[in-house]
């Protein structure tokens, strides 16, 4: 009998600890002082409740088996989010690495400890003159004793300009591709790897396509000599769907890419298919998140209170994405 696992990714947008958190280093407190003014316990708890309400609706209201996250500040906020999910009855654990990101935001995973055994993690800083953000790898053992590697990404934003900031994302993509080669060297060519993240580029942009070697060609991935990644998000731009909206234009920044093991017919761990043979990958457009109940209007989101777009009733400026994996 096949086991199925629901794995999701969500940029939860600025899940910061309270303004004067004792867990925050002095340099970061100084940097965020004006941005987080008014970000108190009530605001944080409201943000946590909003996020938990969406996460709880995933996977037919049973919650994800594994959830990758970015834009979380620290372990304290992750513990609060985990506690808000307790009504699901899941035995969730947390995998987190505290990085030196200039705004203090990290990548993390929440996983069901009754299904997966955590076997360690690895973080690697991406450099372009100075450090940008880390790639964060977490290794799990499935219920059938198969290795499953997850790599969380949060690539440099476009705020400095699309072309001006592109070299940072290209380096992130190239680093990810090299990392895939090392994983295959260590674990073997049939290792199951699921790459997830907010790439701040789309599937057809150079950083993802030419440097991370993400493609929509099944054969290019399966028969490649060097590791390539099959990008599960390619169908969405063609249908006018996005995981992030800017001026009402859809962008597929949040992506799920997999190693060849996960799309081979003989794979021990692979992406499940539906009746129409499409891979079971989704953008979770839960109506509760959409302004006015209409799509594709921008999501009502909650940013630190200095920002003019701050909405205390908001969720995030990104939609979650998910995939069903089976073994």
Protein backbone atom coordinates (compact mmCIF):
# COMPACT_ATOMS: atom_id res chain seq x y z
CA UNK A 1 0.00 0.00 0.00
CA UNK A 2 1.32 3.45 -0.92
CA UNK A 3 1.81 6.12 1.70
CA UNK A 4 1.06 9.70 0.72
CA UNK A 5 2.52 12.81 2.32
CA UNK A 6 1.39 16.39 1.95
CA UNK A 7 4.37 18.76 1.83
CA UNK A 8 3.90 22.53 1.62
CA UNK A 9 5.92 25.73 1.46
CA UNK A 10 4.90 29.20 2.63
CA UNK A 11 6.60 32.58 2.83
CA UNK A 12 4.73 33.79 5.92
CA UNK A 13 5.95 37.40 5.51
CA UNK A 14 7.72 39.03 8.40
CA UNK A 15 6.93 36.68 11.24
CA UNK A 16 8.94 38.74 13.70
CA UNK A 17 9.19 38.40 17.44
CA UNK A 18 7.89 41.33 19.54
CA UNK A 19 9.55 44.74 19.34
CA UNK A 20 11.83 44.36 22.37
CA UNK A 21 12.45 40.62 22.23
CA UNK A 22 15.20 39.37 24.53
CA UNK A 23 15.98 36.71 21.91
CA UNK A 24 17.06 39.32 19.35
CA UNK A 25 20.77 40.26 19.07
CA UNK A 26 21.59 43.89 19.84
CA UNK A 27 22.69 44.64 16.25
CA UNK A 28 19.40 43.36 14.88
CA UNK A 29 17.32 45.18 17.49
CA UNK A 30 19.02 48.41 16.47
CA UNK A 31 18.43 47.74 12.76
CA UNK A 32 14.75 46.84 13.20
CA UNK A 33 13.94 49.41 15.88
CA UNK A 34 11.86 51.74 13.71
CA UNK A 35 10.45 48.99 11.49
CA UNK A 36 9.02 47.01 14.41
CA UNK A 37 7.64 49.92 16.39
CA UNK A 38 4.22 48.82 17.65
CA UNK A 39 4.87 45.13 16.89
CA UNK A 40 3.69 43.96 20.29
CA UNK A 41 2.37 40.69 21.73
CA UNK A 42 -1.20 41.35 20.59
CA UNK A 43 -0.10 42.01 16.99
CA UNK A 44 2.17 38.95 16.97
CA UNK A 45 -0.51 36.68 18.42
CA UNK A 46 -3.01 37.89 15.83
CA UNK A 47 -0.51 37.16 13.07
CA UNK A 48 0.08 33.67 14.50
CA UNK A 49 -3.66 32.96 14.66
CA UNK A 50 -4.12 34.09 11.07
CA UNK A 51 -1.30 31.88 9.78
CA UNK A 52 -2.50 28.90 11.82
CA UNK A 53 -6.03 29.27 10.44
CA UNK A 54 -4.69 28.80 6.88
CA UNK A 55 -2.21 26.03 7.72
CA UNK A 56 -4.98 24.12 9.52
CA UNK A 57 -7.08 24.07 6.34
CA UNK A 58 -4.33 22.44 4.30
CA UNK A 59 -4.48 18.74 3.45
CA UNK A 60 -8.28 18.52 3.83
CA UNK A 61 -8.19 20.24 7.21
CA UNK A 62 -5.63 17.85 8.70
CA UNK A 63 -2.58 20.10 8.27
CA UNK A 64 0.62 19.44 6.31
CA UNK A 65 2.92 16.51 7.01
CA UNK A 66 5.88 18.84 6.40
CA UNK A 67 5.75 22.62 6.03
CA UNK A 68 8.70 24.69 4.84
CA UNK A 69 8.68 28.32 5.95
CA UNK A 70 10.62 31.49 5.31
CA UNK A 71 10.61 34.97 6.84
CA UNK A 72 10.50 33.64 10.40
CA UNK A 73 12.73 35.46 12.86
CA UNK A 74 13.57 32.89 15.50
CA UNK A 75 12.68 29.70 17.35
CA UNK A 76 10.35 31.59 19.70
CA UNK A 77 7.99 32.57 16.88
CA UNK A 78 8.14 29.06 15.44
CA UNK A 79 7.18 27.57 18.80
CA UNK A 80 4.23 29.95 18.98
CA UNK A 81 3.10 28.90 15.52
CA UNK A 82 3.47 25.22 16.40
CA UNK A 83 1.40 25.72 19.55
CA UNK A 84 -1.33 27.42 17.51
CA UNK A 85 -1.58 24.23 15.43
CA UNK A 86 -2.12 21.90 18.39
CA UNK A 87 -5.83 21.43 17.69
CA UNK A 88 -4.79 19.40 14.63
CA UNK A 89 -3.55 16.71 17.01
CA UNK A 90 -0.22 16.49 15.20
CA UNK A 91 3.06 15.75 16.94
CA UNK A 92 4.92 18.55 15.17
CA UNK A 93 8.64 19.16 15.49
CA UNK A 94 10.76 22.10 14.32
CA UNK A 95 13.97 22.26 12.28
CA UNK A 96 15.47 25.75 12.36
CA UNK A 97 18.84 27.42 11.83
CA UNK A 98 19.49 30.95 13.10
CA UNK A 99 21.23 32.80 10.27
CA UNK A 100 22.90 36.20 9.98
CA UNK A 101 20.42 37.58 7.47
CA UNK A 102 20.48 41.38 7.59
CA UNK A 103 16.82 41.49 8.65
CA UNK A 104 17.07 38.41 10.86
CA UNK A 105 14.67 36.24 8.85
CA UNK A 106 15.27 32.53 8.50
CA UNK A 107 14.12 29.37 6.73
CA UNK A 108 12.66 26.54 8.82
CA UNK A 109 10.62 23.34 8.65
CA UNK A 110 7.74 22.05 10.75
CA UNK A 111 7.27 18.28 10.41
CA UNK A 112 5.16 15.48 11.83
CA UNK A 113 7.43 13.51 14.16
CA UNK A 114 5.06 10.54 14.08
CA UNK A 115 5.74 10.16 10.35
CA UNK A 116 9.28 11.38 9.75
CA UNK A 117 12.56 10.94 11.59
CA UNK A 118 14.79 14.00 11.45
CA UNK A 119 18.37 13.01 10.63
CA UNK A 120 20.20 16.30 10.70
CA UNK A 121 20.47 19.60 8.86
CA UNK A 122 23.04 21.65 7.00
CA UNK A 123 23.16 25.37 6.22
CA UNK A 124 25.36 27.09 3.65
CA UNK A 125 25.84 30.83 3.22
CA UNK A 126 25.61 32.17 -0.34
CA UNK A 127 28.31 34.74 -1.04
CA UNK A 128 28.52 37.60 -3.52
CA UNK A 129 31.20 39.82 -2.00
CA UNK A 130 29.16 39.72 1.21
CA UNK A 131 26.88 37.02 2.56
CA UNK A 132 23.28 36.92 1.42
CA UNK A 133 20.90 34.21 2.64
CA UNK A 134 21.58 30.57 3.46
CA UNK A 135 20.41 27.45 1.72
CA UNK A 136 18.98 25.21 4.44
CA UNK A 137 18.95 21.43 4.04
CA UNK A 138 17.02 19.04 6.30
CA UNK A 139 17.37 15.26 6.02
CA UNK A 140 14.46 12.99 6.93
CA UNK A 141 13.75 9.28 7.04
CA UNK A 142 10.28 8.29 5.82
CA UNK A 143 8.03 5.63 7.44
CA UNK A 144 9.36 3.12 4.89
CA UNK A 145 12.99 3.94 5.80
CA UNK A 146 13.72 5.94 2.67
CA UNK A 147 15.87 9.06 2.64
CA UNK A 148 14.08 12.30 1.78
CA UNK A 149 16.11 15.51 1.57
CA UNK A 150 14.44 18.93 1.68
CA UNK A 151 16.27 22.12 0.73
CA UNK A 152 14.68 25.41 1.77
CA UNK A 153 15.50 28.59 -0.18
CA UNK A 154 14.81 32.30 0.19
CA UNK A 155 16.70 34.08 -2.55
CA UNK A 156 17.52 37.78 -2.65
CA UNK A 157 14.56 40.07 -3.33
CA UNK A 158 14.07 42.34 -6.35
CA UNK A 159 13.75 45.54 -4.30
CA UNK A 160 17.06 46.91 -5.66
CA UNK A 161 15.78 46.33 -9.22
CA UNK A 162 15.20 43.13 -11.17
CA UNK A 163 18.44 43.28 -13.19
CA UNK A 164 20.50 44.90 -10.44
CA UNK A 165 19.64 42.13 -7.98
CA UNK A 166 19.65 39.24 -10.47
CA UNK A 167 23.34 38.31 -9.93
CA UNK A 168 22.56 37.41 -6.31
CA UNK A 169 19.83 35.02 -7.38
CA UNK A 170 22.05 33.59 -10.12
CA UNK A 171 24.70 32.80 -7.51
CA UNK A 172 22.02 31.19 -5.32
CA UNK A 173 20.91 29.05 -8.27
CA UNK A 174 24.46 28.05 -9.14
CA UNK A 175 25.15 27.18 -5.48
CA UNK A 176 22.02 25.04 -5.36
CA UNK A 177 23.09 23.20 -8.51
CA UNK A 178 26.54 22.49 -7.08
CA UNK A 179 24.92 21.38 -3.85
CA UNK A 180 22.79 18.89 -5.78
CA UNK A 181 25.95 17.41 -7.30
CA UNK A 182 27.47 16.93 -3.85
CA UNK A 183 24.27 15.30 -2.54
CA UNK A 184 24.30 12.81 -5.42
CA UNK A 185 28.00 12.10 -4.86
CA UNK A 186 27.34 11.34 -1.18
CA UNK A 187 23.89 9.75 -1.27
CA UNK A 188 23.77 8.23 -4.76
CA UNK A 189 22.02 9.14 -8.00
CA UNK A 190 18.58 7.89 -6.90
CA UNK A 191 18.27 10.09 -3.82
CA UNK A 192 14.91 11.86 -3.42
CA UNK A 193 15.41 15.63 -3.09
CA UNK A 194 12.63 18.20 -2.86
CA UNK A 195 13.76 21.81 -3.31
CA UNK A 196 11.32 24.45 -2.10
CA UNK A 197 11.48 28.18 -1.63
CA UNK A 198 10.75 31.76 -2.49
CA UNK A 199 13.17 32.27 -5.36
CA UNK A 200 12.08 35.87 -6.11
CA UNK A 201 12.35 34.77 -9.75
CA UNK A 202 9.99 32.74 -11.91
CA UNK A 203 10.54 29.26 -13.37
CA UNK A 204 11.62 30.71 -16.74
CA UNK A 205 14.12 33.23 -15.30
CA UNK A 206 17.85 32.56 -15.75
CA UNK A 207 18.62 31.97 -12.09
CA UNK A 208 16.20 29.04 -11.92
CA UNK A 209 16.38 27.70 -15.48
CA UNK A 210 20.04 28.14 -16.45
CA UNK A 211 21.82 28.05 -13.08
CA UNK A 212 19.70 25.96 -10.71
CA UNK A 213 18.99 23.78 -13.80
CA UNK A 214 15.25 23.69 -13.21
CA UNK A 215 13.26 22.56 -16.24
CA UNK A 216 9.84 21.32 -17.32
CA UNK A 217 11.38 18.59 -19.47
CA UNK A 218 10.90 15.17 -17.90
CA UNK A 219 13.53 13.57 -20.16
CA UNK A 220 16.15 16.26 -19.50
CA UNK A 221 15.94 15.48 -15.79
CA UNK A 222 15.73 11.69 -15.96
CA UNK A 223 18.53 11.23 -18.53
CA UNK A 224 20.85 14.08 -17.45
CA UNK A 225 24.44 13.16 -16.59
CA UNK A 226 24.63 15.91 -13.99
CA UNK A 227 21.71 16.47 -11.61
CA UNK A 228 18.87 18.56 -12.97
CA UNK A 229 15.65 19.51 -11.21
CA UNK A 230 12.12 19.07 -12.50
CA UNK A 231 10.21 22.27 -11.76
CA UNK A 232 6.66 21.42 -10.74
CA UNK A 233 5.52 25.06 -11.03
CA UNK A 234 5.87 25.46 -14.81
CA UNK A 235 2.12 25.01 -15.58
CA UNK A 236 1.03 27.91 -13.37
CA UNK A 237 2.45 30.93 -15.27
CA UNK A 238 0.77 29.61 -18.42
CA UNK A 239 -2.58 29.73 -16.66
CA UNK A 240 -2.11 33.25 -15.31
CA UNK A 241 -1.73 32.08 -11.72
CA UNK A 242 0.80 33.39 -9.23
CA UNK A 243 2.05 32.80 -5.71
CA UNK A 244 2.75 36.52 -5.28
CA UNK A 245 0.99 39.54 -6.80
CA UNK A 246 2.49 42.95 -7.45
CA UNK A 247 0.24 45.63 -8.95
CA UNK A 248 -2.16 42.74 -9.64
CA UNK A 249 0.38 40.97 -11.87
CA UNK A 250 0.93 37.30 -10.95
CA UNK A 251 4.46 36.03 -10.24
CA UNK A 252 5.35 32.41 -9.51
CA UNK A 253 8.15 33.13 -7.04
CA UNK A 254 7.40 30.22 -4.69
CA UNK A 255 8.51 26.99 -6.30
CA UNK A 256 8.83 23.25 -5.81
CA UNK A 257 11.53 21.39 -7.74
CA UNK A 258 12.46 17.71 -7.47
CA UNK A 259 15.27 15.33 -8.32
CA UNK A 260 14.81 12.65 -10.98
CA UNK A 261 14.06 9.96 -8.39
CA UNK A 262 10.78 11.71 -7.64
CA UNK A 263 9.45 11.72 -11.22
CA UNK A 264 10.78 8.32 -12.38
CA UNK A 265 8.14 5.61 -12.72
CA UNK A 266 10.48 3.34 -10.76
CA UNK A 267 11.15 5.89 -8.00
CA UNK A 268 10.69 4.70 -4.43
CA UNK A 269 9.61 8.20 -3.44
CA UNK A 270 7.81 10.15 -6.14
CA UNK A 271 5.34 12.91 -6.82
CA UNK A 272 1.76 11.63 -6.91
CA UNK A 273 -0.34 12.10 -10.02
CA UNK A 274 -4.03 12.75 -10.49
CA UNK A 275 -6.49 11.12 -12.86
CA UNK A 276 -5.30 13.36 -15.69
CA UNK A 277 -1.66 12.44 -15.00
CA UNK A 278 -0.86 15.94 -13.77
CA UNK A 279 1.45 16.04 -10.78
CA UNK A 280 -0.51 16.84 -7.63
CA UNK A 281 0.94 20.30 -7.08
CA UNK A 282 -1.14 23.25 -5.94
CA UNK A 283 -1.11 26.94 -5.22
CA UNK A 284 -3.23 27.07 -2.08
CA UNK A 285 -5.61 29.92 -2.93
CA UNK A 286 -7.70 29.54 0.22
CA UNK A 287 -10.56 32.08 -0.13
CA UNK A 288 -10.06 33.37 3.40
CA UNK A 289 -6.74 34.89 2.31
CA UNK A 290 -8.03 36.82 -0.68
CA UNK A 291 -9.09 40.45 -0.29
CA UNK A 292 -12.83 40.82 -0.76
CA UNK A 293 -13.07 37.11 -1.56
CA UNK A 294 -12.00 37.80 -5.14
CA UNK A 295 -8.99 36.42 -6.95
CA UNK A 296 -6.48 37.63 -8.06
CA UNK A 297 -6.81 40.71 -5.87
CA UNK A 298 -3.83 41.12 -3.56
CA UNK A 299 -3.78 39.10 -0.36
CA UNK A 300 -4.57 41.05 2.79
CA UNK A 301 -1.23 40.85 4.53
CA UNK A 302 0.42 41.86 7.77
CA UNK A 303 3.76 43.67 7.70
CA UNK A 304 5.68 45.43 10.47
CA UNK A 305 3.73 48.47 11.55
CA UNK A 306 6.01 51.10 10.01
CA UNK A 307 4.93 50.03 6.54
CA UNK A 308 1.95 51.83 5.03
CA UNK A 309 0.55 48.50 3.82
CA UNK A 310 0.34 47.01 7.31
CA UNK A 311 -2.94 45.17 7.84
CA UNK A 312 -3.42 43.70 11.34
CA UNK A 313 -6.01 41.28 9.94
CA UNK A 314 -3.62 40.01 7.27
CA UNK A 315 -1.92 36.70 6.61
CA UNK A 316 0.98 37.02 4.17
CA UNK A 317 1.75 38.60 0.81
CA UNK A 318 2.46 35.13 -0.62
CA UNK A 319 0.22 32.13 -1.20
CA UNK A 320 1.35 28.69 0.04
CA UNK A 321 2.25 25.97 -2.46
CA UNK A 322 1.98 22.24 -1.86
CA UNK A 323 2.68 18.85 -3.39
CA UNK A 324 1.61 15.29 -2.63
CA UNK A 325 4.49 12.80 -2.35
CA UNK A 326 4.02 9.05 -2.25
CA UNK A 327 6.15 6.00 -1.54
